[in-house]
Amino acid sequence: MHIVITEKEVILTKHDYQSFREIQNDFFDYVTSLGPWSFEEIVDYLEIEYPNIAPSAKEQVEGLINSGQFEVTLKGLV
């Protein structure tokens, strides 16, 4: 999984990107990306960077993993 940071949002994606350039091509307002990372690495990062994230980082990452979606915009990052 990758974390994609754009000008307006933070997105978690399950797409199997081989380079940041592929990610950059998919997101017109791309700023940076992190990964590929494991479930644990993503949850740890989100909990450190966004300690007040709600729903929790673990819930949001599990939600994406268990869904048929390939990406989700993270909520509660204020």
PDB file of N, CA and C in Angstrom:
ATOM      1  N   MET A   1       0.838  -1.174   0.000  1.00  0.00           N
ATOM      2  CA  MET A   1       0.000   0.000   0.000  1.00  0.00           C
ATOM      3  C   MET A   1       0.884   1.239   0.000  1.00  0.00           C
ATOM      4  N   HIS A   2       0.315   2.308  -0.536  1.00  0.00           N
ATOM      5  CA  HIS A   2       1.000   3.594  -0.566  1.00  0.00           C
ATOM      6  C   HIS A   2       0.118   4.657   0.078  1.00  0.00           C
ATOM      7  N   ILE A   3       0.757   5.645   0.656  1.00  0.00           N
ATOM      8  CA  ILE A   3       0.084   6.862   1.083  1.00  0.00           C
ATOM      9  C   ILE A   3       0.420   7.912   0.035  1.00  0.00           C
ATOM     10  N   VAL A   4      -0.605   8.550  -0.510  1.00  0.00           N
ATOM     11  CA  VAL A   4      -0.409   9.589  -1.514  1.00  0.00           C
ATOM     12  C   VAL A   4      -0.888  10.909  -0.915  1.00  0.00           C
ATOM     13  N   ILE A   5      -0.010  11.874  -0.908  1.00  0.00           N
ATOM     14  CA  ILE A   5      -0.354  13.193  -0.389  1.00  0.00           C
ATOM     15  C   ILE A   5      -0.523  14.129  -1.578  1.00  0.00           C
ATOM     16  N   THR A   6      -1.707  14.712  -1.673  1.00  0.00           N
ATOM     17  CA  THR A   6      -1.994  15.663  -2.740  1.00  0.00           C
ATOM     18  C   THR A   6      -2.143  17.049  -2.121  1.00  0.00           C
ATOM     19  N   GLU A   7      -2.430  18.025  -2.949  1.00  0.00           N
ATOM     20  CA  GLU A   7      -2.601  19.387  -2.441  1.00  0.00           C
ATOM     21  C   GLU A   7      -3.806  19.504  -1.513  1.00  0.00           C
ATOM     22  N   LYS A   8      -4.798  18.604  -1.669  1.00  0.00           N
ATOM     23  CA  LYS A   8      -6.046  18.739  -0.920  1.00  0.00           C
ATOM     24  C   LYS A   8      -6.348  17.609   0.051  1.00  0.00           C
ATOM     25  N   GLU A   9      -5.718  16.444  -0.140  1.00  0.00           N
ATOM     26  CA  GLU A   9      -6.098  15.297   0.683  1.00  0.00           C
ATOM     27  C   GLU A   9      -4.967  14.290   0.805  1.00  0.00           C
ATOM     28  N   VAL A  10      -5.183  13.323   1.682  1.00  0.00           N
ATOM     29  CA  VAL A  10      -4.258  12.206   1.857  1.00  0.00           C
ATOM     30  C   VAL A  10      -5.027  10.950   1.476  1.00  0.00           C
ATOM     31  N   ILE A  11      -4.446  10.178   0.572  1.00  0.00           N
ATOM     32  CA  ILE A  11      -5.125   9.017  -0.001  1.00  0.00           C
ATOM     33  C   ILE A  11      -4.316   7.765   0.303  1.00  0.00           C
ATOM     34  N   LEU A  12      -5.019   6.719   0.649  1.00  0.00           N
ATOM     35  CA  LEU A  12      -4.415   5.413   0.851  1.00  0.00           C
ATOM     36  C   LEU A  12      -4.798   4.562  -0.348  1.00  0.00           C
ATOM     37  N   THR A  13      -3.811   3.926  -0.989  1.00  0.00           N
ATOM     38  CA  THR A  13      -4.096   3.144  -2.183  1.00  0.00           C
ATOM     39  C   THR A  13      -3.479   1.751  -2.117  1.00  0.00           C
ATOM     40  N   LYS A  14      -4.209   0.788  -2.693  1.00  0.00           N
ATOM     41  CA  LYS A  14      -3.729  -0.590  -2.790  1.00  0.00           C
ATOM     42  C   LYS A  14      -3.122  -0.871  -4.163  1.00  0.00           C
ATOM     43  N   HIS A  15      -3.127   0.121  -5.058  1.00  0.00           N
ATOM     44  CA  HIS A  15      -2.536  -0.087  -6.383  1.00  0.00           C
ATOM     45  C   HIS A  15      -1.077  -0.501  -6.231  1.00  0.00           C
ATOM     46  N   ASP A  16      -0.635  -1.382  -7.103  1.00  0.00           N
ATOM     47  CA  ASP A  16       0.736  -1.886  -7.051  1.00  0.00           C
ATOM     48  C   ASP A  16       1.638  -1.006  -7.920  1.00  0.00           C
ATOM     49  N   TYR A  17       1.945   0.179  -7.434  1.00  0.00           N
ATOM     50  CA  TYR A  17       2.792   1.108  -8.180  1.00  0.00           C
ATOM     51  C   TYR A  17       4.247   0.669  -8.101  1.00  0.00           C
ATOM     52  N   GLN A  18       4.962   0.826  -9.215  1.00  0.00           N
ATOM     53  CA  GLN A  18       6.375   0.473  -9.263  1.00  0.00           C
ATOM     54  C   GLN A  18       7.291   1.665  -9.013  1.00  0.00           C
ATOM     55  N   SER A  19       6.746   2.882  -9.169  1.00  0.00           N
ATOM     56  CA  SER A  19       7.553   4.078  -8.934  1.00  0.00           C
ATOM     57  C   SER A  19       6.649   5.254  -8.589  1.00  0.00           C
ATOM     58  N   PHE A  20       7.250   6.290  -8.016  1.00  0.00           N
ATOM     59  CA  PHE A  20       6.466   7.478  -7.685  1.00  0.00           C
ATOM     60  C   PHE A  20       5.948   8.155  -8.944  1.00  0.00           C
ATOM     61  N   ARG A  21       6.613   7.969 -10.065  1.00  0.00           N
ATOM     62  CA  ARG A  21       6.161   8.589 -11.319  1.00  0.00           C
ATOM     63  C   ARG A  21       4.805   8.024 -11.750  1.00  0.00           C
ATOM     64  N   GLU A  22       4.588   6.750 -11.535  1.00  0.00           N
ATOM     65  CA  GLU A  22       3.282   6.160 -11.846  1.00  0.00           C
ATOM     66  C   GLU A  22       2.200   6.787 -10.971  1.00  0.00           C
ATOM     67  N   ILE A  23       2.506   6.985  -9.713  1.00  0.00           N
ATOM     68  CA  ILE A  23       1.546   7.607  -8.799  1.00  0.00           C
ATOM     69  C   ILE A  23       1.289   9.045  -9.234  1.00  0.00           C
ATOM     70  N   GLN A  24       2.349   9.751  -9.554  1.00  0.00           N
ATOM     71  CA  GLN A  24       2.245  11.140  -9.992  1.00  0.00           C
ATOM     72  C   GLN A  24       1.341  11.258 -11.217  1.00  0.00           C
ATOM     73  N   ASN A  25       1.401  10.286 -12.111  1.00  0.00           N
ATOM     74  CA  ASN A  25       0.559  10.300 -13.310  1.00  0.00           C
ATOM     75  C   ASN A  25      -0.917  10.102 -12.979  1.00  0.00           C
ATOM     76  N   ASP A  26      -1.219   9.422 -11.886  1.00  0.00           N
ATOM     77  CA  ASP A  26      -2.610   9.140 -11.514  1.00  0.00           C
ATOM     78  C   ASP A  26      -3.268  10.252 -10.694  1.00  0.00           C
ATOM     79  N   PHE A  27      -2.476  11.132 -10.105  1.00  0.00           N
ATOM     80  CA  PHE A  27      -3.015  12.184  -9.237  1.00  0.00           C
ATOM     81  C   PHE A  27      -2.508  13.538  -9.716  1.00  0.00           C
ATOM     82  N   PHE A  28      -3.397  14.324 -10.322  1.00  0.00           N
ATOM     83  CA  PHE A  28      -2.983  15.583 -10.948  1.00  0.00           C
ATOM     84  C   PHE A  28      -2.416  16.586  -9.954  1.00  0.00           C
ATOM     85  N   ASP A  29      -2.858  16.530  -8.699  1.00  0.00           N
ATOM     86  CA  ASP A  29      -2.361  17.474  -7.694  1.00  0.00           C
ATOM     87  C   ASP A  29      -1.401  16.793  -6.706  1.00  0.00           C
ATOM     88  N   TYR A  30      -0.673  15.797  -7.211  1.00  0.00           N
ATOM     89  CA  TYR A  30       0.298  15.024  -6.437  1.00  0.00           C
ATOM     90  C   TYR A  30       1.338  15.939  -5.791  1.00  0.00           C
ATOM     91  N   VAL A  31       1.642  15.667  -4.524  1.00  0.00           N
ATOM     92  CA  VAL A  31       2.718  16.365  -3.826  1.00  0.00           C
ATOM     93  C   VAL A  31       3.851  15.383  -3.518  1.00  0.00           C
ATOM     94  N   THR A  32       3.503  14.262  -2.863  1.00  0.00           N
ATOM     95  CA  THR A  32       4.496  13.236  -2.552  1.00  0.00           C
ATOM     96  C   THR A  32       3.779  11.930  -2.222  1.00  0.00           C
ATOM     97  N   SER A  33       4.555  10.866  -2.096  1.00  0.00           N
ATOM     98  CA  SER A  33       3.965   9.577  -1.722  1.00  0.00           C
ATOM     99  C   SER A  33       4.945   8.806  -0.847  1.00  0.00           C
ATOM    100  N   LEU A  34       4.398   7.868  -0.102  1.00  0.00           N
ATOM    101  CA  LEU A  34       5.176   7.021   0.794  1.00  0.00           C
ATOM    102  C   LEU A  34       4.810   5.569   0.526  1.00  0.00           C
ATOM    103  N   GLY A  35       5.787   4.712   0.520  1.00  0.00           N
ATOM    104  CA  GLY A  35       5.519   3.299   0.326  1.00  0.00           C
ATOM    105  C   GLY A  35       6.264   2.753  -0.875  1.00  0.00           C
ATOM    106  N   PRO A  36       6.059   1.479  -1.157  1.00  0.00           N
ATOM    107  CA  PRO A  36       5.040   0.619  -0.561  1.00  0.00           C
ATOM    108  C   PRO A  36       5.393   0.241   0.878  1.00  0.00           C
ATOM    109  N   TRP A  37       4.349   0.256   1.696  1.00  0.00           N
ATOM    110  CA  TRP A  37       4.489  -0.071   3.099  1.00  0.00           C
ATOM    111  C   TRP A  37       3.496  -1.155   3.486  1.00  0.00           C
ATOM    112  N   SER A  38       3.824  -1.855   4.554  1.00  0.00           N
ATOM    113  CA  SER A  38       2.929  -2.873   5.107  1.00  0.00           C
ATOM    114  C   SER A  38       1.792  -2.199   5.875  1.00  0.00           C
ATOM    115  N   PHE A  39       0.807  -2.992   6.227  1.00  0.00           N
ATOM    116  CA  PHE A  39      -0.310  -2.530   7.053  1.00  0.00           C
ATOM    117  C   PHE A  39       0.210  -1.843   8.315  1.00  0.00           C
ATOM    118  N   GLU A  40       1.115  -2.513   9.012  1.00  0.00           N
ATOM    119  CA  GLU A  40       1.632  -1.993  10.275  1.00  0.00           C
ATOM    120  C   GLU A  40       2.387  -0.682  10.088  1.00  0.00           C
ATOM    121  N   GLU A  41       3.184  -0.605   9.033  1.00  0.00           N
ATOM    122  CA  GLU A  41       3.950   0.618   8.777  1.00  0.00           C
ATOM    123  C   GLU A  41       3.028   1.799   8.491  1.00  0.00           C
ATOM    124  N   ILE A  42       1.968   1.551   7.739  1.00  0.00           N
ATOM    125  CA  ILE A  42       1.023   2.633   7.413  1.00  0.00           C
ATOM    126  C   ILE A  42       0.303   3.093   8.678  1.00  0.00           C
ATOM    127  N   VAL A  43      -0.179   2.156   9.463  1.00  0.00           N
ATOM    128  CA  VAL A  43      -0.882   2.518  10.700  1.00  0.00           C
ATOM    129  C   VAL A  43       0.058   3.288  11.628  1.00  0.00           C
ATOM    130  N   ASP A  44       1.274   2.811  11.800  1.00  0.00           N
ATOM    131  CA  ASP A  44       2.239   3.501  12.665  1.00  0.00           C
ATOM    132  C   ASP A  44       2.486   4.928  12.193  1.00  0.00           C
ATOM    133  N   TYR A  45       2.717   5.104  10.905  1.00  0.00           N
ATOM    134  CA  TYR A  45       2.968   6.439  10.357  1.00  0.00           C
ATOM    135  C   TYR A  45       1.779   7.363  10.606  1.00  0.00           C
ATOM    136  N   LEU A  46       0.581   6.883  10.281  1.00  0.00           N
ATOM    137  CA  LEU A  46      -0.608   7.724  10.434  1.00  0.00           C
ATOM    138  C   LEU A  46      -0.851   8.095  11.892  1.00  0.00           C
ATOM    139  N   GLU A  47      -0.612   7.165  12.805  1.00  0.00           N
ATOM    140  CA  GLU A  47      -0.813   7.454  14.229  1.00  0.00           C
ATOM    141  C   GLU A  47       0.192   8.485  14.747  1.00  0.00           C
ATOM    142  N   ILE A  48       1.396   8.484  14.186  1.00  0.00           N
ATOM    143  CA  ILE A  48       2.411   9.463  14.598  1.00  0.00           C
ATOM    144  C   ILE A  48       2.122  10.833  13.983  1.00  0.00           C
ATOM    145  N   GLU A  49       1.851  10.852  12.691  1.00  0.00           N
ATOM    146  CA  GLU A  49       1.641  12.122  11.987  1.00  0.00           C
ATOM    147  C   GLU A  49       0.287  12.762  12.289  1.00  0.00           C
ATOM    148  N   TYR A  50      -0.714  11.930  12.531  1.00  0.00           N
ATOM    149  CA  TYR A  50      -2.079  12.413  12.769  1.00  0.00           C
ATOM    150  C   TYR A  50      -2.628  11.761  14.041  1.00  0.00           C
ATOM    151  N   PRO A  51      -2.140  12.159  15.216  1.00  0.00           N
ATOM    152  CA  PRO A  51      -2.525  11.485  16.464  1.00  0.00           C
ATOM    153  C   PRO A  51      -4.020  11.557  16.780  1.00  0.00           C
ATOM    154  N   ASN A  52      -4.725  12.508  16.210  1.00  0.00           N
ATOM    155  CA  ASN A  52      -6.163  12.646  16.481  1.00  0.00           C
ATOM    156  C   ASN A  52      -7.031  12.117  15.346  1.00  0.00           C
ATOM    157  N   ILE A  53      -6.465  11.323  14.458  1.00  0.00           N
ATOM    158  CA  ILE A  53      -7.202  10.789  13.313  1.00  0.00           C
ATOM    159  C   ILE A  53      -8.440  10.024  13.797  1.00  0.00           C
ATOM    160  N   ALA A  54      -9.568  10.295  13.155  1.00  0.00           N
ATOM    161  CA  ALA A  54     -10.820   9.623  13.524  1.00  0.00           C
ATOM    162  C   ALA A  54     -11.679   9.455  12.280  1.00  0.00           C
ATOM    163  N   PRO A  55     -12.137   8.258  11.997  1.00  0.00           N
ATOM    164  CA  PRO A  55     -11.872   6.989  12.681  1.00  0.00           C
ATOM    165  C   PRO A  55     -10.365   6.705  12.753  1.00  0.00           C
ATOM    166  N   SER A  56     -10.011   5.775  13.604  1.00  0.00           N
ATOM    167  CA  SER A  56      -8.598   5.480  13.843  1.00  0.00           C
ATOM    168  C   SER A  56      -7.900   5.044  12.561  1.00  0.00           C
ATOM    169  N   ALA A  57      -6.580   5.196  12.558  1.00  0.00           N
ATOM    170  CA  ALA A  57      -5.786   4.779  11.405  1.00  0.00           C
ATOM    171  C   ALA A  57      -6.016   3.298  11.115  1.00  0.00           C
ATOM    172  N   LYS A  58      -6.007   2.488  12.155  1.00  0.00           N
ATOM    173  CA  LYS A  58      -6.193   1.043  11.982  1.00  0.00           C
ATOM    174  C   LYS A  58      -7.542   0.742  11.339  1.00  0.00           C
ATOM    175  N   GLU A  59      -8.597   1.402  11.795  1.00  0.00           N
ATOM    176  CA  GLU A  59      -9.932   1.181  11.223  1.00  0.00           C
ATOM    177  C   GLU A  59      -9.976   1.557   9.745  1.00  0.00           C
ATOM    178  N   GLN A  60      -9.367   2.680   9.396  1.00  0.00           N
ATOM    179  CA  GLN A  60      -9.421   3.130   8.008  1.00  0.00           C
ATOM    180  C   GLN A  60      -8.595   2.235   7.087  1.00  0.00           C
ATOM    181  N   VAL A  61      -7.426   1.800   7.552  1.00  0.00           N
ATOM    182  CA  VAL A  61      -6.590   0.915   6.738  1.00  0.00           C
ATOM    183  C   VAL A  61      -7.270  -0.442   6.590  1.00  0.00           C
ATOM    184  N   GLU A  62      -7.800  -0.991   7.674  1.00  0.00           N
ATOM    185  CA  GLU A  62      -8.524  -2.266   7.599  1.00  0.00           C
ATOM    186  C   GLU A  62      -9.729  -2.145   6.680  1.00  0.00           C
ATOM    187  N   GLY A  63     -10.412  -1.007   6.746  1.00  0.00           N
ATOM    188  CA  GLY A  63     -11.565  -0.785   5.886  1.00  0.00           C
ATOM    189  C   GLY A  63     -11.203  -0.871   4.420  1.00  0.00           C
ATOM    190  N   LEU A  64     -10.076  -0.279   4.047  1.00  0.00           N
ATOM    191  CA  LEU A  64      -9.639  -0.354   2.648  1.00  0.00           C
ATOM    192  C   LEU A  64      -9.256  -1.782   2.286  1.00  0.00           C
ATOM    193  N   ILE A  65      -8.510  -2.436   3.141  1.00  0.00           N
ATOM    194  CA  ILE A  65      -8.068  -3.808   2.862  1.00  0.00           C
ATOM    195  C   ILE A  65      -9.262  -4.732   2.646  1.00  0.00           C
ATOM    196  N   ASN A  66     -10.298  -4.574   3.447  1.00  0.00           N
ATOM    197  CA  ASN A  66     -11.456  -5.466   3.386  1.00  0.00           C
ATOM    198  C   ASN A  66     -12.496  -5.048   2.358  1.00  0.00           C
ATOM    199  N   SER A  67     -12.259  -3.955   1.671  1.00  0.00           N
ATOM    200  CA  SER A  67     -13.229  -3.474   0.687  1.00  0.00           C
ATOM    201  C   SER A  67     -12.809  -3.892  -0.720  1.00  0.00           C
ATOM    202  N   GLY A  68     -13.693  -3.674  -1.649  1.00  0.00           N
ATOM    203  CA  GLY A  68     -13.388  -3.922  -3.052  1.00  0.00           C
ATOM    204  C   GLY A  68     -12.751  -2.718  -3.718  1.00  0.00           C
ATOM    205  N   GLN A  69     -12.528  -1.663  -2.947  1.00  0.00           N
ATOM    206  CA  GLN A  69     -11.941  -0.445  -3.492  1.00  0.00           C
ATOM    207  C   GLN A  69     -10.424  -0.557  -3.559  1.00  0.00           C
ATOM    208  N   PHE A  70      -9.834   0.259  -4.442  1.00  0.00           N
ATOM    209  CA  PHE A  70      -8.379   0.295  -4.551  1.00  0.00           C
ATOM    210  C   PHE A  70      -7.771   1.497  -3.846  1.00  0.00           C
ATOM    211  N   GLU A  71      -8.616   2.486  -3.522  1.00  0.00           N
ATOM    212  CA  GLU A  71      -8.095   3.647  -2.807  1.00  0.00           C
ATOM    213  C   GLU A  71      -9.195   4.309  -2.007  1.00  0.00           C
ATOM    214  N   VAL A  72      -8.768   5.062  -1.005  1.00  0.00           N
ATOM    215  CA  VAL A  72      -9.710   5.779  -0.152  1.00  0.00           C
ATOM    216  C   VAL A  72      -9.040   7.057   0.345  1.00  0.00           C
ATOM    217  N   THR A  73      -9.833   8.108   0.438  1.00  0.00           N
ATOM    218  CA  THR A  73      -9.356   9.353   1.031  1.00  0.00           C
ATOM    219  C   THR A  73      -9.467   9.219   2.542  1.00  0.00           C
ATOM    220  N   LEU A  74      -8.381   9.474   3.235  1.00  0.00           N
ATOM    221  CA  LEU A  74      -8.389   9.345   4.686  1.00  0.00           C
ATOM    222  C   LEU A  74      -9.219  10.451   5.315  1.00  0.00           C
ATOM    223  N   LYS A  75      -9.907  10.100   6.391  1.00  0.00           N
ATOM    224  CA  LYS A  75     -10.798  11.024   7.096  1.00  0.00           C
ATOM    225  C   LYS A  75     -10.189  11.425   8.433  1.00  0.00           C
ATOM    226  N   GLY A  76     -10.639  12.554   8.933  1.00  0.00           N
ATOM    227  CA  GLY A  76     -10.301  12.968  10.290  1.00  0.00           C
ATOM    228  C   GLY A  76      -8.860  13.334  10.522  1.00  0.00           C
ATOM    229  N   LEU A  77      -8.234  13.966   9.547  1.00  0.00           N
ATOM    230  CA  LEU A  77      -6.815  14.297   9.679  1.00  0.00           C
ATOM    231  C   LEU A  77      -6.560  15.676  10.263  1.00  0.00           C
ATOM    232  N   VAL A  78      -7.585  16.344  10.724  1.00  0.00           N
ATOM    233  CA  VAL A  78      -7.442  17.706  11.255  1.00  0.00           C
ATOM    234  C   VAL A  78      -6.591  17.720  12.496  1.00  0.00           C
TER     235      VAL A  78
END
